[in-house]
Protein backbone atom coordinates (compact mmCIF):
# COMPACT_ATOMS: atom_id res chain seq x y z
CA MET A 1 -34.30 -21.47 -11.07
CA ARG A 2 -32.53 -19.38 -13.73
CA LEU A 3 -33.62 -16.25 -11.94
CA ILE A 4 -31.86 -17.42 -8.79
CA TYR A 5 -28.69 -18.25 -10.74
CA ALA A 6 -28.84 -14.88 -12.50
CA PHE A 7 -29.23 -13.08 -9.17
CA LEU A 8 -26.32 -15.01 -7.67
CA ALA A 9 -24.14 -14.34 -10.71
CA VAL A 10 -24.82 -10.60 -10.58
CA ARG A 11 -24.16 -10.54 -6.85
CA MET A 12 -20.89 -12.45 -7.24
CA LEU A 13 -19.77 -10.10 -10.04
CA ARG A 14 -20.44 -7.09 -7.83
CA LEU A 15 -18.50 -8.65 -4.98
CA ALA A 16 -15.63 -9.50 -7.30
CA ARG A 17 -15.49 -5.92 -8.60
CA PHE A 18 -15.55 -4.62 -5.03
CA ASP A 19 -12.67 -6.95 -4.09
CA LEU A 20 -10.64 -5.82 -7.10
CA ALA A 21 -11.19 -2.17 -6.28
CA ARG A 22 -10.20 -2.75 -2.65
CA SER A 23 -7.10 -4.65 -3.75
CA GLU A 24 -6.04 -1.83 -6.05
CA ARG A 25 -6.59 0.72 -3.26
CA LEU A 26 -4.45 -1.32 -0.87
CA TYR A 27 -1.72 -1.67 -3.51
CA HIS A 28 -1.76 2.09 -4.11
CA ASP A 29 -1.73 2.83 -0.36
CA GLY A 30 1.19 0.44 0.09
CA ASP A 31 3.20 2.27 -2.56
CA GLU A 32 2.46 5.60 -0.89
CA ALA A 33 3.47 4.25 2.52
CA PHE A 34 6.73 2.94 1.06
CA GLU A 35 7.52 6.32 -0.47
CA ARG A 36 6.75 8.09 2.82
CA SER A 37 9.09 5.70 4.60
CA ARG A 38 11.86 6.36 2.10
CA ASP A 39 11.39 10.11 2.54
CA ARG A 40 11.57 9.76 6.32
CA VAL A 41 14.77 7.74 6.04
CA ARG A 42 16.26 10.44 3.80
CA GLN A 43 15.26 13.11 6.31
CA ALA A 44 16.70 11.09 9.19
CA GLU A 45 19.93 10.58 7.29
CA ALA A 46 20.17 14.31 6.60
CA LEU A 47 19.59 15.14 10.27
CA ALA A 48 22.11 12.51 11.37
CA ASP A 49 24.63 13.96 8.93
CA ARG A 50 24.11 17.45 10.36
CA ALA A 51 24.59 16.09 13.88
CA ASP A 52 27.75 14.19 12.79
CA LEU A 53 26.16 10.88 13.70
CA PRO A 54 26.99 7.68 11.83
CA SER A 55 24.65 6.86 8.98
CA LEU A 56 21.87 4.34 9.37
CA ALA A 57 23.50 2.07 6.80
CA SER A 58 26.72 1.86 8.80
CA MET A 59 24.81 0.95 11.99
CA LEU A 60 23.08 -2.04 10.39
């Protein structure tokens, strides 16, 4: 019976580590996506400024 519990414990630890690694990857990817979005907004603002369009902030 202890062998079964030991096997289950090891399996659950591996799954927990996998979940933590996946969570950290998603967190990191989310930060990168946010930064890309901010860069795109900056680029759009610069292009709008060159075209003499109102800024995005004034349209909201």
